[in-house]
Amino acid sequence: MANPGSGGMAEEPEFFGRTRDALERWLERVARSAGGECYADVVKFYLPTCNGKCRDAVDEFIDKINRLFGGSTNYDALGCWISEGGGLICEPVVVVESAHHCTSPEEAEEKAAPS
């Protein structure tokens, strides 16, 4: 369902726009009633595992995210990039996703503070 003249980008069905707008209005009402902010997005972190050598640090990070945001979804993946020399380099990573939607200004400051 590509839009002619859009460079091959697919046109977003009207349903998705209406659904997103309704979700954003609902989150704004929740935020106002709670005196804070709400977000409809998911935060993702890509953590290198140092080929398994720093798994303890990854597990510690996951624990902290779960405590801060109330939960997460984690999965193993392969992170790849092109080196300066033009070669492909890949290493195991853990992807950590969290969907923390509403927070007060105080909680936001606490979460942003370095530990």
C-alpha atoms as a PDB file:
ATOM      1  CA  MET A   1       0.000   0.000   0.000  1.00  0.00           C
ATOM      2  CA  ALA A   2       2.739   2.417  -1.042  1.00  0.00           C
ATOM      3  CA  ASN A   3       1.787   6.022  -1.571  1.00  0.00           C
ATOM      4  CA  PRO A   4       2.800   7.152  -5.092  1.00  0.00           C
ATOM      5  CA  GLY A   5       5.375   9.900  -4.904  1.00  0.00           C
ATOM      6  CA  SER A   6       6.270   9.153  -1.299  1.00  0.00           C
ATOM      7  CA  GLY A   7       9.537   7.421  -2.071  1.00  0.00           C
ATOM      8  CA  GLY A   8       8.031   3.965  -1.489  1.00  0.00           C
ATOM      9  CA  MET A   9       6.917   4.706   2.080  1.00  0.00           C
ATOM     10  CA  ALA A  10       3.700   2.929   3.043  1.00  0.00           C
ATOM     11  CA  GLU A  11       0.785   5.170   3.878  1.00  0.00           C
ATOM     12  CA  GLU A  12      -0.451   4.775   7.447  1.00  0.00           C
ATOM     13  CA  PRO A  13      -4.025   3.445   7.580  1.00  0.00           C
ATOM     14  CA  GLU A  14      -6.443   5.941   9.114  1.00  0.00           C
ATOM     15  CA  PHE A  15      -7.299   3.439  11.882  1.00  0.00           C
ATOM     16  CA  PHE A  16      -3.760   3.614  13.320  1.00  0.00           C
ATOM     17  CA  GLY A  17      -3.791   7.401  13.438  1.00  0.00           C
ATOM     18  CA  ARG A  18      -7.158   7.488  15.228  1.00  0.00           C
ATOM     19  CA  THR A  19      -6.057   4.800  17.675  1.00  0.00           C
ATOM     20  CA  ARG A  20      -2.775   6.587  18.442  1.00  0.00           C
ATOM     21  CA  ASP A  21      -4.573   9.919  18.909  1.00  0.00           C
ATOM     22  CA  ALA A  22      -7.115   8.343  21.281  1.00  0.00           C
ATOM     23  CA  LEU A  23      -4.319   6.689  23.301  1.00  0.00           C
ATOM     24  CA  GLU A  24      -2.430   9.987  23.566  1.00  0.00           C
ATOM     25  CA  ARG A  25      -5.586  11.823  24.766  1.00  0.00           C
ATOM     26  CA  TRP A  26      -6.179   9.109  27.389  1.00  0.00           C
ATOM     27  CA  LEU A  27      -2.559   9.291  28.605  1.00  0.00           C
ATOM     28  CA  GLU A  28      -2.822  13.091  28.871  1.00  0.00           C
ATOM     29  CA  ARG A  29      -5.951  12.741  31.065  1.00  0.00           C
ATOM     30  CA  VAL A  30      -4.211  10.150  33.265  1.00  0.00           C
ATOM     31  CA  ALA A  31      -1.145  12.378  33.575  1.00  0.00           C
ATOM     32  CA  ARG A  32      -3.222  15.438  34.518  1.00  0.00           C
ATOM     33  CA  SER A  33      -5.127  13.492  37.163  1.00  0.00           C
ATOM     34  CA  ALA A  34      -1.866  12.121  38.602  1.00  0.00           C
ATOM     35  CA  GLY A  35       0.033  15.411  38.282  1.00  0.00           C
ATOM     36  CA  GLY A  36       2.748  13.872  36.102  1.00  0.00           C
ATOM     37  CA  GLU A  37       3.724  12.830  32.590  1.00  0.00           C
ATOM     38  CA  CYS A  38       2.683   9.844  30.462  1.00  0.00           C
ATOM     39  CA  TYR A  39       4.450   8.334  27.472  1.00  0.00           C
ATOM     40  CA  ALA A  40       3.091   5.978  24.824  1.00  0.00           C
ATOM     41  CA  ASP A  41       6.523   4.791  23.734  1.00  0.00           C
ATOM     42  CA  VAL A  42       8.701   1.865  24.658  1.00  0.00           C
ATOM     43  CA  VAL A  43      12.277   2.466  25.761  1.00  0.00           C
ATOM     44  CA  LYS A  44      14.843   0.030  24.318  1.00  0.00           C
ATOM     45  CA  PHE A  45      18.384  -0.588  25.479  1.00  0.00           C
ATOM     46  CA  TYR A  46      20.908  -2.608  23.459  1.00  0.00           C
ATOM     47  CA  LEU A  47      23.481  -4.062  25.841  1.00  0.00           C
ATOM     48  CA  PRO A  48      26.667  -5.678  24.546  1.00  0.00           C
ATOM     49  CA  THR A  49      27.504  -8.838  26.428  1.00  0.00           C
ATOM     50  CA  CYS A  50      31.267  -8.623  25.748  1.00  0.00           C
ATOM     51  CA  ASN A  51      30.904 -12.091  24.190  1.00  0.00           C
ATOM     52  CA  GLY A  52      29.571 -13.368  27.499  1.00  0.00           C
ATOM     53  CA  LYS A  53      32.287 -11.774  29.666  1.00  0.00           C
ATOM     54  CA  CYS A  54      30.102  -9.004  31.148  1.00  0.00           C
ATOM     55  CA  ARG A  55      26.815 -10.853  31.586  1.00  0.00           C
ATOM     56  CA  ASP A  56      26.809  -9.936  35.302  1.00  0.00           C
ATOM     57  CA  ALA A  57      26.705  -6.224  34.381  1.00  0.00           C
ATOM     58  CA  VAL A  58      23.853  -6.893  31.924  1.00  0.00           C
ATOM     59  CA  ASP A  59      21.887  -8.781  34.601  1.00  0.00           C
ATOM     60  CA  GLU A  60      22.485  -5.937  37.070  1.00  0.00           C
ATOM     61  CA  PHE A  61      21.183  -3.417  34.511  1.00  0.00           C
ATOM     62  CA  ILE A  62      18.071  -5.538  33.865  1.00  0.00           C
ATOM     63  CA  ASP A  63      17.417  -5.736  37.606  1.00  0.00           C
ATOM     64  CA  LYS A  64      17.690  -1.940  37.910  1.00  0.00           C
ATOM     65  CA  ILE A  65      15.338  -1.341  34.956  1.00  0.00           C
ATOM     66  CA  ASN A  66      12.783  -3.729  36.457  1.00  0.00           C
ATOM     67  CA  ARG A  67      12.932  -1.883  39.777  1.00  0.00           C
ATOM     68  CA  LEU A  68      12.685   1.545  38.131  1.00  0.00           C
ATOM     69  CA  PHE A  69       9.985   0.809  35.575  1.00  0.00           C
ATOM     70  CA  GLY A  70       8.156  -2.139  37.091  1.00  0.00           C
ATOM     71  CA  GLY A  71       9.184  -4.703  34.474  1.00  0.00           C
ATOM     72  CA  SER A  72      10.873  -5.343  31.157  1.00  0.00           C
ATOM     73  CA  THR A  73      11.006  -7.659  28.171  1.00  0.00           C
ATOM     74  CA  ASN A  74      14.481  -9.011  27.388  1.00  0.00           C
ATOM     75  CA  TYR A  75      15.818 -11.049  24.520  1.00  0.00           C
ATOM     76  CA  ASP A  76      19.112 -12.085  22.980  1.00  0.00           C
ATOM     77  CA  ALA A  77      20.056 -10.601  19.614  1.00  0.00           C
ATOM     78  CA  LEU A  78      23.068 -10.068  17.406  1.00  0.00           C
ATOM     79  CA  GLY A  79      24.395  -6.506  17.045  1.00  0.00           C
ATOM     80  CA  CYS A  80      26.345  -5.869  13.843  1.00  0.00           C
ATOM     81  CA  TRP A  81      28.107  -2.901  12.309  1.00  0.00           C
ATOM     82  CA  ILE A  82      30.634  -2.090   9.616  1.00  0.00           C
ATOM     83  CA  SER A  83      34.129  -1.430  10.949  1.00  0.00           C
ATOM     84  CA  GLU A  84      36.298   1.445   9.789  1.00  0.00           C
ATOM     85  CA  GLY A  85      38.125  -1.092   7.620  1.00  0.00           C
ATOM     86  CA  GLY A  86      34.881  -2.085   5.908  1.00  0.00           C
ATOM     87  CA  GLY A  87      34.462  -5.467   7.565  1.00  0.00           C
ATOM     88  CA  LEU A  88      31.329  -6.731   9.244  1.00  0.00           C
ATOM     89  CA  ILE A  89      31.594  -7.101  13.021  1.00  0.00           C
ATOM     90  CA  CYS A  90      28.866  -8.833  15.040  1.00  0.00           C
ATOM     91  CA  GLU A  91      28.539  -9.582  18.734  1.00  0.00           C
ATOM     92  CA  PRO A  92      25.841 -10.939  21.036  1.00  0.00           C
ATOM     93  CA  VAL A  93      23.676  -8.297  22.714  1.00  0.00           C
ATOM     94  CA  VAL A  94      20.707  -8.325  25.039  1.00  0.00           C
ATOM     95  CA  VAL A  95      17.798  -6.084  24.105  1.00  0.00           C
ATOM     96  CA  VAL A  96      15.905  -4.712  27.117  1.00  0.00           C
ATOM     97  CA  GLU A  97      12.524  -3.076  26.498  1.00  0.00           C
ATOM     98  CA  SER A  98      10.384  -1.304  29.047  1.00  0.00           C
ATOM     99  CA  ALA A  99       7.041   0.436  28.621  1.00  0.00           C
ATOM    100  CA  HIS A 100       6.739   2.724  31.611  1.00  0.00           C
ATOM    101  CA  HIS A 101       3.879   5.001  30.712  1.00  0.00           C
ATOM    102  CA  CYS A 102       3.191   7.427  33.570  1.00  0.00           C
ATOM    103  CA  THR A 103       5.411   9.129  36.111  1.00  0.00           C
ATOM    104  CA  SER A 104       5.383  12.114  38.435  1.00  0.00           C
ATOM    105  CA  PRO A 105       8.021  14.866  38.138  1.00  0.00           C
ATOM    106  CA  GLU A 106       9.655  13.507  41.312  1.00  0.00           C
ATOM    107  CA  GLU A 107       9.818   9.947  39.922  1.00  0.00           C
ATOM    108  CA  ALA A 108      11.210  11.247  36.616  1.00  0.00           C
ATOM    109  CA  GLU A 109      14.009  13.074  38.474  1.00  0.00           C
ATOM    110  CA  GLU A 110      14.750   9.964  40.553  1.00  0.00           C
ATOM    111  CA  LYS A 111      14.933   7.761  37.451  1.00  0.00           C
ATOM    112  CA  ALA A 112      17.193  10.254  35.644  1.00  0.00           C
ATOM    113  CA  ALA A 113      19.599  10.592  38.590  1.00  0.00           C
ATOM    114  CA  PRO A 114      22.909   8.728  38.255  1.00  0.00           C
ATOM    115  CA  SER A 115      23.349   5.898  40.711  1.00  0.00           C
END
